[in-house]
């Protein structure tokens, strides 16, 4: 893949537009997908980096559907199969009271599935800091980290500066 050591080139940006411009520029130059840091969630940065939205929402939907189905199955099964009891001529299966149980099961299963999806897709546990991370990225700065061969590190640094980086640092990968 590369014929030399890898270098992480980190650019510090004051605004979101400059960081997005830098991400698009380094991707167009063939450096691959850079790692981006932002003090707040940014759909523009996700789009520029070629990332999609989180799949955790699908886990929550599947858990909610499974919970509602199991809630109805539990209540209907108990009222018809194990304990059939005719009370005052009412039907065995009366849906309105069962909706409450199905709703509660939907919330429970959706929350558990969302937690499982978050842990699975979040890559937990992350025991060490990501390369190029700086505490300023959680405050008021945006960061773009480009991993490149040492021979192309100067080009990556120049592209980050041209996009509007206030500061650029290098570190061995």
Protein backbone atom coordinates (compact mmCIF):
# COMPACT_ATOMS: atom_id res chain seq x y z
CA UNK A 1 0.00 0.00 0.00
CA UNK A 2 2.64 2.52 1.01
CA UNK A 3 6.38 2.29 0.75
CA UNK A 4 7.23 4.42 3.78
CA UNK A 5 6.13 5.41 7.26
CA UNK A 6 2.73 7.02 7.73
CA UNK A 7 2.27 10.52 9.12
CA UNK A 8 -0.86 12.10 10.63
CA UNK A 9 -1.23 15.70 9.47
CA UNK A 10 -3.74 17.63 11.59
CA UNK A 11 -5.31 20.91 10.55
CA UNK A 12 -7.08 23.24 13.00
CA UNK A 13 -9.97 25.29 11.58
CA UNK A 14 -11.99 28.14 13.09
CA UNK A 15 -15.15 27.55 11.08
CA UNK A 16 -17.13 24.67 9.63
CA UNK A 17 -16.95 25.82 6.01
CA UNK A 18 -13.14 25.74 5.98
CA UNK A 19 -13.10 22.26 7.49
CA UNK A 20 -15.60 20.99 4.90
CA UNK A 21 -13.52 22.56 2.12
CA UNK A 22 -10.38 20.87 3.49
CA UNK A 23 -12.07 17.48 3.70
CA UNK A 24 -13.28 17.70 0.11
CA UNK A 25 -9.87 18.89 -1.09
CA UNK A 26 -7.82 16.12 0.55
CA UNK A 27 -10.30 13.45 -0.59
CA UNK A 28 -10.09 14.77 -4.16
CA UNK A 29 -6.28 14.64 -3.93
CA UNK A 30 -6.43 10.91 -3.20
CA UNK A 31 -5.55 10.86 0.49
CA UNK A 32 -8.58 8.77 1.42
CA UNK A 33 -11.15 9.60 4.05
CA UNK A 34 -9.74 11.95 6.70
CA UNK A 35 -10.86 11.88 10.32
CA UNK A 36 -12.82 14.99 11.24
CA UNK A 37 -13.46 16.49 14.67
CA UNK A 38 -16.22 18.99 15.36
CA UNK A 39 -17.45 20.75 18.52
CA UNK A 40 -21.06 20.03 17.47
CA UNK A 41 -22.81 17.55 15.13
CA UNK A 42 -22.37 18.66 11.53
CA UNK A 43 -24.25 17.07 8.61
CA UNK A 44 -22.03 19.01 6.18
CA UNK A 45 -18.89 17.37 7.56
CA UNK A 46 -20.52 13.93 7.37
CA UNK A 47 -21.50 14.55 3.75
CA UNK A 48 -18.05 15.87 2.80
CA UNK A 49 -16.33 12.88 4.41
CA UNK A 50 -18.63 10.48 2.57
CA UNK A 51 -20.16 9.10 5.77
CA UNK A 52 -23.77 8.07 6.16
CA UNK A 53 -26.13 8.53 9.06
CA UNK A 54 -26.03 6.15 11.97
CA UNK A 55 -27.65 2.73 11.53
CA UNK A 56 -28.77 2.75 15.18
CA UNK A 57 -32.17 4.11 14.14
CA UNK A 58 -32.83 0.86 12.26
CA UNK A 59 -32.01 -1.11 15.42
CA UNK A 60 -34.53 0.96 17.39
CA UNK A 61 -37.20 0.45 14.72
CA UNK A 62 -36.64 -3.32 14.64
CA UNK A 63 -36.69 -3.47 18.44
CA UNK A 64 -39.90 -1.44 18.59
CA UNK A 65 -41.66 -3.62 16.04
CA UNK A 66 -40.51 -6.80 17.81
CA UNK A 67 -41.62 -5.38 21.17
CA UNK A 68 -45.08 -4.42 19.94
CA UNK A 69 -45.53 -7.80 18.26
CA UNK A 70 -44.40 -9.66 21.37
CA UNK A 71 -46.67 -7.53 23.57
CA UNK A 72 -49.70 -8.41 21.47
CA UNK A 73 -48.61 -12.07 21.25
CA UNK A 74 -48.18 -12.26 25.03
CA UNK A 75 -51.53 -10.72 25.89
CA UNK A 76 -53.53 -12.50 23.21
CA UNK A 77 -51.82 -15.79 23.96
CA UNK A 78 -52.54 -15.52 27.67
CA UNK A 79 -56.18 -14.59 27.15
CA UNK A 80 -56.94 -17.33 24.60
CA UNK A 81 -54.54 -20.20 25.12
CA UNK A 82 -53.64 -20.65 28.75
CA UNK A 83 -56.40 -18.92 30.67
CA UNK A 84 -59.52 -18.64 28.51
CA UNK A 85 -62.18 -17.14 30.72
CA UNK A 86 -65.50 -15.74 29.67
CA UNK A 87 -66.38 -12.79 31.86
CA UNK A 88 -69.80 -11.18 31.43
CA UNK A 89 -69.99 -12.31 27.83
CA UNK A 90 -67.00 -10.19 26.74
CA UNK A 91 -64.73 -11.46 23.92
CA UNK A 92 -61.52 -13.32 24.67
CA UNK A 93 -59.46 -10.84 22.68
CA UNK A 94 -60.25 -7.20 23.26
CA UNK A 95 -57.57 -5.11 21.59
CA UNK A 96 -57.83 -1.73 23.43
CA UNK A 97 -56.52 -3.01 26.79
CA UNK A 98 -53.77 -4.96 25.02
CA UNK A 99 -52.45 -1.82 23.33
CA UNK A 100 -51.06 -0.56 26.65
CA UNK A 101 -48.96 -3.70 27.14
CA UNK A 102 -47.85 -3.67 23.48
CA UNK A 103 -46.81 -0.01 23.80
CA UNK A 104 -44.78 -0.67 26.93
CA UNK A 105 -43.05 -3.65 25.31
CA UNK A 106 -42.36 -1.56 22.21
CA UNK A 107 -40.62 1.11 24.31
CA UNK A 108 -38.64 -1.47 26.28
CA UNK A 109 -37.46 -3.48 23.26
CA UNK A 110 -36.72 -0.31 21.26
CA UNK A 111 -34.57 1.10 24.06
CA UNK A 112 -32.67 -2.16 24.55
CA UNK A 113 -32.12 -2.59 20.80
CA UNK A 114 -30.97 1.06 20.50
CA UNK A 115 -28.47 0.56 23.30
CA UNK A 116 -27.16 -2.63 21.70
CA UNK A 117 -26.87 -0.92 18.30
CA UNK A 118 -25.09 2.06 19.84
CA UNK A 119 -22.52 -0.18 21.51
CA UNK A 120 -22.10 -2.37 18.41
CA UNK A 121 -21.71 0.46 15.86
CA UNK A 122 -19.90 2.82 18.24
CA UNK A 123 -16.91 0.49 18.44
CA UNK A 124 -16.89 0.45 22.22
CA UNK A 125 -14.75 0.26 24.17
CA UNK A 126 -12.29 2.78 22.75
CA UNK A 127 -9.37 2.52 25.15
CA UNK A 128 -7.07 5.11 23.61
CA UNK A 129 -7.56 8.50 22.00
CA UNK A 130 -8.00 8.77 18.26
CA UNK A 131 -4.92 9.94 16.33
CA UNK A 132 -4.62 13.69 16.01
CA UNK A 133 -7.19 14.50 18.69
CA UNK A 134 -6.74 17.79 20.51
CA UNK A 135 -8.93 19.07 23.38
CA UNK A 136 -9.60 22.27 21.43
CA UNK A 137 -11.83 20.23 19.09
CA UNK A 138 -14.40 19.90 21.87
CA UNK A 139 -14.49 23.65 22.45
CA UNK A 140 -14.40 25.96 19.49
CA UNK A 141 -12.17 24.44 16.79
CA UNK A 142 -12.69 21.96 13.97
CA UNK A 143 -10.03 19.41 13.14
CA UNK A 144 -9.15 17.42 10.05
CA UNK A 145 -6.59 14.62 10.37
CA UNK A 146 -5.09 13.24 7.16
CA UNK A 147 -3.07 10.02 7.29
CA UNK A 148 -0.55 10.05 4.47
CA UNK A 149 2.80 8.56 3.51
CA UNK A 150 5.71 10.62 4.79
CA UNK A 151 6.62 11.54 1.21
CA UNK A 152 3.20 13.18 0.65
CA UNK A 153 2.86 14.81 4.09
CA UNK A 154 4.01 18.17 2.71
CA UNK A 155 1.28 18.07 0.07
CA UNK A 156 -1.35 17.25 2.71
CA UNK A 157 -0.10 20.09 4.89
CA UNK A 158 -0.22 22.53 1.96
CA UNK A 159 -3.78 21.49 1.08
CA UNK A 160 -4.95 21.97 4.66
CA UNK A 161 -3.32 25.43 4.82
CA UNK A 162 -4.86 26.38 1.46
CA UNK A 163 -8.31 25.41 2.78
CA UNK A 164 -7.91 27.85 5.68
CA UNK A 165 -6.21 25.96 8.51
CA UNK A 166 -5.00 28.21 11.32
CA UNK A 167 -2.46 25.65 12.47
CA UNK A 168 -1.11 22.40 11.01
CA UNK A 169 0.80 19.77 12.97
CA UNK A 170 2.48 16.47 12.07
CA UNK A 171 2.80 13.30 14.12
CA UNK A 172 4.03 9.78 13.38
CA UNK A 173 1.11 7.43 12.82
